C-alpha atoms as a PDB file:
ATOM      1  CA  UNK A   1       8.644   2.027 -29.758  1.00  0.00           C
ATOM      2  CA  UNK A   2      10.007   4.825 -27.590  1.00  0.00           C
ATOM      3  CA  UNK A   3       7.357   6.215 -25.237  1.00  0.00           C
ATOM      4  CA  UNK A   4       7.601   9.810 -24.032  1.00  0.00           C
ATOM      5  CA  UNK A   5       6.577   9.177 -20.428  1.00  0.00           C
ATOM      6  CA  UNK A   6       7.331  12.724 -19.328  1.00  0.00           C
ATOM      7  CA  UNK A   7       4.909  14.164 -21.855  1.00  0.00           C
ATOM      8  CA  UNK A   8       2.243  11.606 -20.924  1.00  0.00           C
ATOM      9  CA  UNK A   9       2.620  12.333 -17.201  1.00  0.00           C
ATOM     10  CA  UNK A  10       2.486  16.088 -17.785  1.00  0.00           C
ATOM     11  CA  UNK A  11      -0.667  15.721 -19.861  1.00  0.00           C
ATOM     12  CA  UNK A  12      -2.380  13.420 -17.339  1.00  0.00           C
ATOM     13  CA  UNK A  13      -1.378  15.654 -14.413  1.00  0.00           C
ATOM     14  CA  UNK A  14      -2.645  18.830 -16.087  1.00  0.00           C
ATOM     15  CA  UNK A  15      -5.948  17.160 -16.933  1.00  0.00           C
ATOM     16  CA  UNK A  16      -6.399  15.922 -13.380  1.00  0.00           C
ATOM     17  CA  UNK A  17      -5.094  18.827 -11.327  1.00  0.00           C
ATOM     18  CA  UNK A  18      -7.941  21.319 -12.005  1.00  0.00           C
ATOM     19  CA  UNK A  19     -10.743  18.801 -11.434  1.00  0.00           C
ATOM     20  CA  UNK A  20     -13.157  19.609  -8.637  1.00  0.00           C
ATOM     21  CA  UNK A  21     -12.297  17.124  -5.900  1.00  0.00           C
ATOM     22  CA  UNK A  22     -15.362  15.915  -3.963  1.00  0.00           C
ATOM     23  CA  UNK A  23     -13.260  13.705  -1.700  1.00  0.00           C
ATOM     24  CA  UNK A  24     -12.797  14.037   2.054  1.00  0.00           C
ATOM     25  CA  UNK A  25      -9.780  13.697   4.322  1.00  0.00           C
ATOM     26  CA  UNK A  26      -9.498  10.564   6.466  1.00  0.00           C
ATOM     27  CA  UNK A  27     -10.604  12.515   9.547  1.00  0.00           C
ATOM     28  CA  UNK A  28     -11.384   9.374  11.546  1.00  0.00           C
ATOM     29  CA  UNK A  29      -7.619   9.412  12.105  1.00  0.00           C
ATOM     30  CA  UNK A  30      -7.426  12.947  13.571  1.00  0.00           C
ATOM     31  CA  UNK A  31      -3.805  13.544  12.610  1.00  0.00           C
ATOM     32  CA  UNK A  32      -4.599  12.898   8.925  1.00  0.00           C
ATOM     33  CA  UNK A  33      -7.284  15.595   9.076  1.00  0.00           C
ATOM     34  CA  UNK A  34      -4.516  18.197   9.515  1.00  0.00           C
ATOM     35  CA  UNK A  35      -3.041  17.611   6.049  1.00  0.00           C
ATOM     36  CA  UNK A  36      -3.399  20.345   3.403  1.00  0.00           C
ATOM     37  CA  UNK A  37      -6.178  18.850   1.228  1.00  0.00           C
ATOM     38  CA  UNK A  38      -5.089  20.693  -1.935  1.00  0.00           C
ATOM     39  CA  UNK A  39      -1.754  18.900  -2.347  1.00  0.00           C
ATOM     40  CA  UNK A  40      -1.250  16.658  -5.372  1.00  0.00           C
ATOM     41  CA  UNK A  41       1.948  14.989  -6.513  1.00  0.00           C
ATOM     42  CA  UNK A  42       3.015  12.208  -8.874  1.00  0.00           C
ATOM     43  CA  UNK A  43       6.298  10.452  -9.613  1.00  0.00           C
ATOM     44  CA  UNK A  44       7.353   7.902 -12.220  1.00  0.00           C
ATOM     45  CA  UNK A  45      10.380   5.593 -11.916  1.00  0.00           C
ATOM     46  CA  UNK A  46      11.574   3.471 -14.830  1.00  0.00           C
ATOM     47  CA  UNK A  47      13.597   0.339 -14.180  1.00  0.00           C
ATOM     48  CA  UNK A  48      16.422   1.799 -16.273  1.00  0.00           C
ATOM     49  CA  UNK A  49      16.815   4.539 -13.662  1.00  0.00           C
ATOM     50  CA  UNK A  50      14.968   7.371 -15.410  1.00  0.00           C
ATOM     51  CA  UNK A  51      12.421   9.177 -13.263  1.00  0.00           C
ATOM     52  CA  UNK A  52      10.178  12.218 -13.410  1.00  0.00           C
ATOM     53  CA  UNK A  53       7.806  13.916 -10.985  1.00  0.00           C
ATOM     54  CA  UNK A  54       5.311  16.764 -10.848  1.00  0.00           C
ATOM     55  CA  UNK A  55       3.504  18.760  -8.212  1.00  0.00           C
ATOM     56  CA  UNK A  56       3.940  17.890  -4.545  1.00  0.00           C
ATOM     57  CA  UNK A  57       5.950  14.775  -5.318  1.00  0.00           C
ATOM     58  CA  UNK A  58       8.628  15.604  -2.721  1.00  0.00           C
ATOM     59  CA  UNK A  59       6.225  16.048   0.210  1.00  0.00           C
ATOM     60  CA  UNK A  60       6.172  13.121   2.609  1.00  0.00           C
ATOM     61  CA  UNK A  61       2.796  11.691   3.613  1.00  0.00           C
ATOM     62  CA  UNK A  62       1.506   8.785   5.667  1.00  0.00           C
ATOM     63  CA  UNK A  63       1.524   5.730   3.394  1.00  0.00           C
ATOM     64  CA  UNK A  64      -0.905   3.840   5.652  1.00  0.00           C
ATOM     65  CA  UNK A  65      -2.167   0.629   3.980  1.00  0.00           C
ATOM     66  CA  UNK A  66       0.473   0.776   1.249  1.00  0.00           C
ATOM     67  CA  UNK A  67       2.827  -0.519   3.967  1.00  0.00           C
ATOM     68  CA  UNK A  68       0.778  -3.743   4.037  1.00  0.00           C
ATOM     69  CA  UNK A  69       2.468  -4.803   0.793  1.00  0.00           C
ATOM     70  CA  UNK A  70       5.871  -4.438   2.448  1.00  0.00           C
ATOM     71  CA  UNK A  71       4.915  -6.347   5.606  1.00  0.00           C
ATOM     72  CA  UNK A  72       3.430  -9.092   3.425  1.00  0.00           C
ATOM     73  CA  UNK A  73       6.673  -9.213   1.428  1.00  0.00           C
ATOM     74  CA  UNK A  74       8.750  -9.761   4.575  1.00  0.00           C
ATOM     75  CA  UNK A  75       6.366 -12.342   6.071  1.00  0.00           C
ATOM     76  CA  UNK A  76       6.081 -14.228   2.759  1.00  0.00           C
ATOM     77  CA  UNK A  77       9.881 -14.204   2.440  1.00  0.00           C
ATOM     78  CA  UNK A  78      10.181 -15.697   5.932  1.00  0.00           C
ATOM     79  CA  UNK A  79       7.481 -18.391   6.028  1.00  0.00           C
ATOM     80  CA  UNK A  80       6.851 -19.097   2.346  1.00  0.00           C
ATOM     81  CA  UNK A  81       3.652 -20.697   1.086  1.00  0.00           C
ATOM     82  CA  UNK A  82       2.517 -21.590   4.613  1.00  0.00           C
ATOM     83  CA  UNK A  83       1.323 -18.000   4.900  1.00  0.00           C
ATOM     84  CA  UNK A  84      -1.735 -18.825   2.783  1.00  0.00           C
ATOM     85  CA  UNK A  85      -2.947 -21.260   5.431  1.00  0.00           C
ATOM     86  CA  UNK A  86      -3.791 -18.224   7.571  1.00  0.00           C
ATOM     87  CA  UNK A  87      -4.797 -15.655   4.938  1.00  0.00           C
ATOM     88  CA  UNK A  88      -6.932 -16.082   1.821  1.00  0.00           C
ATOM     89  CA  UNK A  89      -6.252 -14.449  -1.564  1.00  0.00           C
ATOM     90  CA  UNK A  90      -9.762 -13.365  -2.561  1.00  0.00           C
ATOM     91  CA  UNK A  91     -11.232  -9.857  -2.951  1.00  0.00           C
ATOM     92  CA  UNK A  92     -13.293  -9.025   0.116  1.00  0.00           C
ATOM     93  CA  UNK A  93     -16.229  -7.214  -1.472  1.00  0.00           C
ATOM     94  CA  UNK A  94     -16.643  -5.440   1.867  1.00  0.00           C
ATOM     95  CA  UNK A  95     -15.149  -2.395   3.597  1.00  0.00           C
ATOM     96  CA  UNK A  96     -11.466  -2.658   4.566  1.00  0.00           C
ATOM     97  CA  UNK A  97     -12.283  -2.814   8.307  1.00  0.00           C
ATOM     98  CA  UNK A  98     -15.300  -5.116   8.053  1.00  0.00           C
ATOM     99  CA  UNK A  99     -15.849  -7.937  10.548  1.00  0.00           C
ATOM    100  CA  UNK A 100     -18.618  -9.589   8.517  1.00  0.00           C
ATOM    101  CA  UNK A 101     -16.749 -12.442   6.835  1.00  0.00           C
ATOM    102  CA  UNK A 102     -14.366 -13.374   9.650  1.00  0.00           C
ATOM    103  CA  UNK A 103     -16.780 -15.593  11.558  1.00  0.00           C
ATOM    104  CA  UNK A 104     -18.038 -17.263   8.384  1.00  0.00           C
ATOM    105  CA  UNK A 105     -14.429 -18.008   7.358  1.00  0.00           C
ATOM    106  CA  UNK A 106     -13.299 -19.147  10.838  1.00  0.00           C
ATOM    107  CA  UNK A 107     -10.978 -16.202  11.383  1.00  0.00           C
ATOM    108  CA  UNK A 108      -9.215 -16.451   8.008  1.00  0.00           C
ATOM    109  CA  UNK A 109      -9.166 -12.944   6.443  1.00  0.00           C
ATOM    110  CA  UNK A 110     -10.136 -12.726   2.776  1.00  0.00           C
ATOM    111  CA  UNK A 111      -6.799 -11.212   1.750  1.00  0.00           C
ATOM    112  CA  UNK A 112      -3.679  -9.637   3.293  1.00  0.00           C
ATOM    113  CA  UNK A 113      -4.576  -6.052   2.372  1.00  0.00           C
ATOM    114  CA  UNK A 114      -7.765  -5.603   4.355  1.00  0.00           C
ATOM    115  CA  UNK A 115      -7.104  -4.641   7.974  1.00  0.00           C
ATOM    116  CA  UNK A 116      -7.826  -8.128   9.312  1.00  0.00           C
ATOM    117  CA  UNK A 117      -5.387  -9.730   6.868  1.00  0.00           C
ATOM    118  CA  UNK A 118      -2.672  -7.199   7.630  1.00  0.00           C
ATOM    119  CA  UNK A 119      -3.069  -7.908  11.344  1.00  0.00           C
ATOM    120  CA  UNK A 120      -2.493 -11.616  10.748  1.00  0.00           C
ATOM    121  CA  UNK A 121       0.630 -10.708   8.745  1.00  0.00           C
ATOM    122  CA  UNK A 122       1.788  -8.542  11.672  1.00  0.00           C
ATOM    123  CA  UNK A 123       1.136 -11.449  14.042  1.00  0.00           C
ATOM    124  CA  UNK A 124       3.334 -13.686  11.862  1.00  0.00           C
ATOM    125  CA  UNK A 125       6.152 -11.120  11.977  1.00  0.00           C
ATOM    126  CA  UNK A 126       5.824 -10.687  15.748  1.00  0.00           C
ATOM    127  CA  UNK A 127       6.135 -14.474  16.101  1.00  0.00           C
ATOM    128  CA  UNK A 128       9.202 -14.803  13.858  1.00  0.00           C
ATOM    129  CA  UNK A 129      11.210 -11.675  14.689  1.00  0.00           C
ATOM    130  CA  UNK A 130      12.914 -10.724  17.944  1.00  0.00           C
ATOM    131  CA  UNK A 131      11.825  -7.077  17.584  1.00  0.00           C
ATOM    132  CA  UNK A 132       9.240  -6.840  14.799  1.00  0.00           C
ATOM    133  CA  UNK A 133       8.967  -3.057  15.037  1.00  0.00           C
ATOM    134  CA  UNK A 134      12.665  -2.403  14.435  1.00  0.00           C
ATOM    135  CA  UNK A 135      13.415  -5.334  12.131  1.00  0.00           C
ATOM    136  CA  UNK A 136      10.549  -4.414   9.808  1.00  0.00           C
ATOM    137  CA  UNK A 137      11.739  -0.805   9.768  1.00  0.00           C
ATOM    138  CA  UNK A 138      15.273  -1.971   8.926  1.00  0.00           C
ATOM    139  CA  UNK A 139      13.844  -4.087   6.095  1.00  0.00           C
ATOM    140  CA  UNK A 140      12.001  -1.104   4.598  1.00  0.00           C
ATOM    141  CA  UNK A 141      15.003   1.185   5.085  1.00  0.00           C
ATOM    142  CA  UNK A 142      17.135  -1.228   3.077  1.00  0.00           C
ATOM    143  CA  UNK A 143      14.444  -1.730   0.437  1.00  0.00           C
ATOM    144  CA  UNK A 144      13.924   2.003  -0.025  1.00  0.00           C
ATOM    145  CA  UNK A 145      17.546   3.128   0.434  1.00  0.00           C
ATOM    146  CA  UNK A 146      16.230   5.544   3.062  1.00  0.00           C
ATOM    147  CA  UNK A 147      18.374   5.087   6.202  1.00  0.00           C
ATOM    148  CA  UNK A 148      16.517   7.949   7.924  1.00  0.00           C
ATOM    149  CA  UNK A 149      13.061   6.425   7.428  1.00  0.00           C
ATOM    150  CA  UNK A 150      11.116   6.370  10.704  1.00  0.00           C
ATOM    151  CA  UNK A 151       7.698   5.698  12.096  1.00  0.00           C
ATOM    152  CA  UNK A 152       5.559   8.734  12.854  1.00  0.00           C
ATOM    153  CA  UNK A 153       4.777   8.536  16.561  1.00  0.00           C
ATOM    154  CA  UNK A 154       2.244  11.333  16.153  1.00  0.00           C
ATOM    155  CA  UNK A 155       0.237   9.456  13.525  1.00  0.00           C
ATOM    156  CA  UNK A 156       0.618   6.069  15.258  1.00  0.00           C
ATOM    157  CA  UNK A 157      -0.580   7.550  18.567  1.00  0.00           C
ATOM    158  CA  UNK A 158      -3.527   9.184  16.794  1.00  0.00           C
ATOM    159  CA  UNK A 159      -4.532   5.819  15.343  1.00  0.00           C
ATOM    160  CA  UNK A 160      -4.030   3.992  18.630  1.00  0.00           C
ATOM    161  CA  UNK A 161      -6.256   6.486  20.429  1.00  0.00           C
ATOM    162  CA  UNK A 162      -9.098   6.203  17.914  1.00  0.00           C
ATOM    163  CA  UNK A 163      -8.694   2.749  16.337  1.00  0.00           C
ATOM    164  CA  UNK A 164     -11.469   1.046  18.290  1.00  0.00           C
ATOM    165  CA  UNK A 165     -12.688  -0.940  15.320  1.00  0.00           C
ATOM    166  CA  UNK A 166      -9.196  -2.274  14.653  1.00  0.00           C
ATOM    167  CA  UNK A 167      -8.961  -3.300  18.312  1.00  0.00           C
ATOM    168  CA  UNK A 168     -12.250  -5.169  17.881  1.00  0.00           C
ATOM    169  CA  UNK A 169     -10.986  -6.838  14.706  1.00  0.00           C
ATOM    170  CA  UNK A 170      -7.767  -8.065  16.290  1.00  0.00           C
ATOM    171  CA  UNK A 171      -9.518  -9.419  19.370  1.00  0.00           C
ATOM    172  CA  UNK A 172     -12.165 -11.114  17.228  1.00  0.00           C
ATOM    173  CA  UNK A 173      -9.489 -12.861  15.133  1.00  0.00           C
ATOM    174  CA  UNK A 174      -7.751 -13.846  18.383  1.00  0.00           C
ATOM    175  CA  UNK A 175     -10.995 -15.403  19.632  1.00  0.00           C
ATOM    176  CA  UNK A 176     -11.168 -17.433  16.419  1.00  0.00           C
ATOM    177  CA  UNK A 177      -7.615 -18.715  16.868  1.00  0.00           C
ATOM    178  CA  UNK A 178      -5.780 -16.902  14.060  1.00  0.00           C
ATOM    179  CA  UNK A 179      -3.819 -14.402  16.199  1.00  0.00           C
ATOM    180  CA  UNK A 180      -1.139 -16.150  18.245  1.00  0.00           C
ATOM    181  CA  UNK A 181       0.370 -13.213  20.137  1.00  0.00           C
ATOM    182  CA  UNK A 182      -1.171 -10.693  22.497  1.00  0.00           C
ATOM    183  CA  UNK A 183      -3.576  -8.450  20.528  1.00  0.00           C
ATOM    184  CA  UNK A 184      -2.099  -5.320  22.121  1.00  0.00           C
ATOM    185  CA  UNK A 185       1.376  -6.236  20.849  1.00  0.00           C
ATOM    186  CA  UNK A 186       0.095  -6.995  17.348  1.00  0.00           C
ATOM    187  CA  UNK A 187      -1.913  -3.764  17.239  1.00  0.00           C
ATOM    188  CA  UNK A 188       1.010  -1.615  18.388  1.00  0.00           C
ATOM    189  CA  UNK A 189       3.102  -2.996  15.530  1.00  0.00           C
ATOM    190  CA  UNK A 190       0.217  -2.622  13.061  1.00  0.00           C
ATOM    191  CA  UNK A 191      -0.339   1.045  13.909  1.00  0.00           C
ATOM    192  CA  UNK A 192       3.403   1.783  13.734  1.00  0.00           C
ATOM    193  CA  UNK A 193       3.676   0.045  10.349  1.00  0.00           C
ATOM    194  CA  UNK A 194       0.861   2.155   8.905  1.00  0.00           C
ATOM    195  CA  UNK A 195       2.465   5.378  10.176  1.00  0.00           C
ATOM    196  CA  UNK A 196       5.467   5.226   7.817  1.00  0.00           C
ATOM    197  CA  UNK A 197       5.886   8.359   5.718  1.00  0.00           C
ATOM    198  CA  UNK A 198       7.321   8.663   2.211  1.00  0.00           C
ATOM    199  CA  UNK A 199       6.951  11.000  -0.726  1.00  0.00           C
ATOM    200  CA  UNK A 200       5.907   9.948  -4.227  1.00  0.00           C
ATOM    201  CA  UNK A 201       9.495   9.650  -5.456  1.00  0.00           C
ATOM    202  CA  UNK A 202      10.526   7.483  -2.506  1.00  0.00           C
ATOM    203  CA  UNK A 203       7.420   5.337  -2.798  1.00  0.00           C
ATOM    204  CA  UNK A 204       7.823   4.659  -6.512  1.00  0.00           C
ATOM    205  CA  UNK A 205      11.475   3.722  -5.997  1.00  0.00           C
ATOM    206  CA  UNK A 206      10.700   1.483  -3.014  1.00  0.00           C
ATOM    207  CA  UNK A 207       8.189  -0.568  -4.997  1.00  0.00           C
ATOM    208  CA  UNK A 208      10.397  -0.985  -8.051  1.00  0.00           C
ATOM    209  CA  UNK A 209      11.527  -4.434  -6.835  1.00  0.00           C
ATOM    210  CA  UNK A 210       8.006  -5.725  -7.541  1.00  0.00           C
ATOM    211  CA  UNK A 211       8.244  -4.425 -11.102  1.00  0.00           C
ATOM    212  CA  UNK A 212      11.656  -6.102 -11.381  1.00  0.00           C
ATOM    213  CA  UNK A 213      10.733  -9.693 -10.557  1.00  0.00           C
ATOM    214  CA  UNK A 214      11.478  -9.343  -6.840  1.00  0.00           C
ATOM    215  CA  UNK A 215      14.967  -7.893  -7.367  1.00  0.00           C
ATOM    216  CA  UNK A 216      15.950  -4.526  -5.901  1.00  0.00           C
ATOM    217  CA  UNK A 217      16.931  -2.233  -8.755  1.00  0.00           C
ATOM    218  CA  UNK A 218      19.662  -0.169  -7.074  1.00  0.00           C
ATOM    219  CA  UNK A 219      21.936  -3.088  -6.073  1.00  0.00           C
ATOM    220  CA  UNK A 220      20.368  -6.103  -7.849  1.00  0.00           C
ATOM    221  CA  UNK A 221      19.766  -7.895  -4.545  1.00  0.00           C
ATOM    222  CA  UNK A 222      16.986 -10.495  -4.631  1.00  0.00           C
ATOM    223  CA  UNK A 223      14.312  -9.501  -2.110  1.00  0.00           C
ATOM    224  CA  UNK A 224      11.875 -12.292  -2.981  1.00  0.00           C
ATOM    225  CA  UNK A 225      11.647 -14.838  -5.768  1.00  0.00           C
ATOM    226  CA  UNK A 226      10.084 -13.999  -9.120  1.00  0.00           C
ATOM    227  CA  UNK A 227       7.208 -16.349  -8.291  1.00  0.00           C
ATOM    228  CA  UNK A 228       6.526 -14.581  -4.985  1.00  0.00           C
ATOM    229  CA  UNK A 229       6.685 -11.215  -6.741  1.00  0.00           C
ATOM    230  CA  UNK A 230       4.146 -12.432  -9.284  1.00  0.00           C
ATOM    231  CA  UNK A 231       1.757 -13.498  -6.519  1.00  0.00           C
ATOM    232  CA  UNK A 232       2.027 -10.199  -4.648  1.00  0.00           C
ATOM    233  CA  UNK A 233       1.422  -8.272  -7.885  1.00  0.00           C
ATOM    234  CA  UNK A 234      -1.651 -10.416  -8.532  1.00  0.00           C
ATOM    235  CA  UNK A 235      -2.972  -9.613  -5.062  1.00  0.00           C
ATOM    236  CA  UNK A 236      -2.394  -5.897  -5.631  1.00  0.00           C
ATOM    237  CA  UNK A 237      -4.420  -6.085  -8.840  1.00  0.00           C
ATOM    238  CA  UNK A 238      -7.341  -7.986  -7.309  1.00  0.00           C
ATOM    239  CA  UNK A 239      -7.318  -6.685  -3.713  1.00  0.00           C
ATOM    240  CA  UNK A 240      -5.200  -3.516  -3.563  1.00  0.00           C
ATOM    241  CA  UNK A 241      -8.026  -0.958  -3.485  1.00  0.00           C
ATOM    242  CA  UNK A 242     -10.410  -2.297  -0.873  1.00  0.00           C
ATOM    243  CA  UNK A 243     -13.867  -2.882  -2.370  1.00  0.00           C
ATOM    244  CA  UNK A 244     -12.952  -0.710  -5.373  1.00  0.00           C
ATOM    245  CA  UNK A 245     -10.260  -3.079  -6.653  1.00  0.00           C
ATOM    246  CA  UNK A 246     -12.327  -4.210  -9.627  1.00  0.00           C
ATOM    247  CA  UNK A 247     -12.918  -0.583 -10.617  1.00  0.00           C
ATOM    248  CA  UNK A 248      -9.182   0.156 -10.512  1.00  0.00           C
ATOM    249  CA  UNK A 249      -8.349  -2.923 -12.589  1.00  0.00           C
ATOM    250  CA  UNK A 250     -11.093  -1.962 -15.058  1.00  0.00           C
ATOM    251  CA  UNK A 251     -10.086   1.704 -15.444  1.00  0.00           C
ATOM    252  CA  UNK A 252      -6.318   1.606 -14.832  1.00  0.00           C
ATOM    253  CA  UNK A 253      -5.255  -1.979 -15.477  1.00  0.00           C
ATOM    254  CA  UNK A 254      -2.139  -2.104 -13.288  1.00  0.00           C
ATOM    255  CA  UNK A 255      -1.312  -3.812  -9.988  1.00  0.00           C
ATOM    256  CA  UNK A 256      -1.339  -1.226  -7.240  1.00  0.00           C
ATOM    257  CA  UNK A 257      -2.050  -0.377  -3.636  1.00  0.00           C
ATOM    258  CA  UNK A 258      -3.726   2.581  -2.009  1.00  0.00           C
ATOM    259  CA  UNK A 259      -3.695   4.005   1.502  1.00  0.00           C
ATOM    260  CA  UNK A 260      -6.076   6.307   3.362  1.00  0.00           C
ATOM    261  CA  UNK A 261      -3.293   8.880   3.583  1.00  0.00           C
ATOM    262  CA  UNK A 262      -4.146   9.556  -0.078  1.00  0.00           C
ATOM    263  CA  UNK A 263      -1.245   7.708  -1.653  1.00  0.00           C
ATOM    264  CA  UNK A 264      -1.364   5.183  -4.484  1.00  0.00           C
ATOM    265  CA  UNK A 265       1.504   3.194  -5.969  1.00  0.00           C
ATOM    266  CA  UNK A 266       1.102   1.173  -9.172  1.00  0.00           C
ATOM    267  CA  UNK A 267       3.466  -0.734 -11.414  1.00  0.00           C
ATOM    268  CA  UNK A 268       3.899  -2.237 -14.851  1.00  0.00           C
ATOM    269  CA  UNK A 269       6.039  -5.386 -14.495  1.00  0.00           C
ATOM    270  CA  UNK A 270       9.459  -5.185 -16.178  1.00  0.00           C
ATOM    271  CA  UNK A 271       8.923  -1.503 -16.985  1.00  0.00           C
ATOM    272  CA  UNK A 272       8.100   1.052 -14.269  1.00  0.00           C
ATOM    273  CA  UNK A 273       6.472   2.079 -11.011  1.00  0.00           C
ATOM    274  CA  UNK A 274       4.399   5.201 -10.516  1.00  0.00           C
ATOM    275  CA  UNK A 275       3.101   6.890  -7.373  1.00  0.00           C
ATOM    276  CA  UNK A 276       0.404   9.501  -6.925  1.00  0.00           C
ATOM    277  CA  UNK A 277      -0.718  11.372  -3.828  1.00  0.00           C
ATOM    278  CA  UNK A 278      -3.714  13.561  -3.136  1.00  0.00           C
ATOM    279  CA  UNK A 279      -5.185  13.333   0.384  1.00  0.00           C
ATOM    280  CA  UNK A 280      -8.886  13.717  -0.398  1.00  0.00           C
ATOM    281  CA  UNK A 281     -10.519  10.273  -0.537  1.00  0.00           C
ATOM    282  CA  UNK A 282     -13.541   8.999  -2.422  1.00  0.00           C
ATOM    283  CA  UNK A 283     -16.274   7.062  -0.532  1.00  0.00           C
ATOM    284  CA  UNK A 284     -14.296   3.809  -0.911  1.00  0.00           C
ATOM    285  CA  UNK A 285     -11.239   5.259   0.852  1.00  0.00           C
ATOM    286  CA  UNK A 286      -9.073   5.806  -2.241  1.00  0.00           C
ATOM    287  CA  UNK A 287      -7.543   9.082  -3.436  1.00  0.00           C
ATOM    288  CA  UNK A 288      -9.965  10.739  -5.858  1.00  0.00           C
ATOM    289  CA  UNK A 289      -7.311  12.560  -7.893  1.00  0.00           C
ATOM    290  CA  UNK A 290      -4.825   9.708  -7.598  1.00  0.00           C
ATOM    291  CA  UNK A 291      -7.301   7.330  -9.194  1.00  0.00           C
ATOM    292  CA  UNK A 292      -8.183   9.851 -11.919  1.00  0.00           C
ATOM    293  CA  UNK A 293      -4.537  10.583 -12.704  1.00  0.00           C
ATOM    294  CA  UNK A 294      -3.617   6.920 -13.089  1.00  0.00           C
ATOM    295  CA  UNK A 295      -6.629   6.327 -15.313  1.00  0.00           C
ATOM    296  CA  UNK A 296      -5.526   9.210 -17.546  1.00  0.00           C
ATOM    297  CA  UNK A 297      -1.919   8.011 -17.471  1.00  0.00           C
ATOM    298  CA  UNK A 298      -2.771   4.526 -18.755  1.00  0.00           C
ATOM    299  CA  UNK A 299      -5.271   5.913 -21.251  1.00  0.00           C
ATOM    300  CA  UNK A 300      -2.590   8.139 -22.785  1.00  0.00           C
ATOM    301  CA  UNK A 301       0.255   5.623 -22.591  1.00  0.00           C
ATOM    302  CA  UNK A 302      -1.921   2.659 -23.624  1.00  0.00           C
ATOM    303  CA  UNK A 303       0.219   0.543 -21.321  1.00  0.00           C
ATOM    304  CA  UNK A 304      -1.563  -1.829 -18.968  1.00  0.00           C
ATOM    305  CA  UNK A 305      -0.993  -5.482 -18.095  1.00  0.00           C
ATOM    306  CA  UNK A 306      -3.950  -6.270 -20.335  1.00  0.00           C
END
């Protein structure tokens, strides 16, 4: 059956765009509070190369926690299954920057997408790379086919100046023995990683390797094995939306990952990736309109992994 994705996206976008958005900007990172809150873009990329976007889909934004999927991909590629000795694979059930479960679990974060888990992933990369900051950037540049991709020093500096809770998290994990490098070095890399900027089109294309069994679509290069891709997709489904992951799986039914910059990327294995961006966040830290759009998109297309 041929599905008219363009018509479905147009319908879902037009239903979502006029909704009153009760969300708030992520003003605890001051630089993110300067973003125009009315922007809203979406972009769809099919594995056969077809793509379509609407709205502010060409405006770059801070992808924030969405980058955690990419750092996990590189670390998993490098150390293999040993990575799960230092990070669990369970939904947290708590806020993304919570310290509550770390002491109970002896410094093992519940999953790689909460802040604590992403810091352990960064620590692994710092240990295994000569220059984690540049080698990770080179990895994402190659993955995205964006040779000009760069960290945003302005956003990274804004996070470094106000990320006191993240500093506490990293030092707490260090005290429990699951950070091996200097916390300051790990945190610098973590803040840089989260400062990457892409637009919806770039983001949907970058993540297409996870919809394609770990193989990059543009040049058919294997990034990770099919089995690793499956595991990362499973983690995105169960843990990709902080303590709202169950809600996203229930209403949307696709693996995905959100960031407090207002971006969301989701995918349907062997078919497509889709990205949405609207900077106003709901109380759980996820884009209000992004969540609504993706719910409408899967309702109209009737395509979910379930």
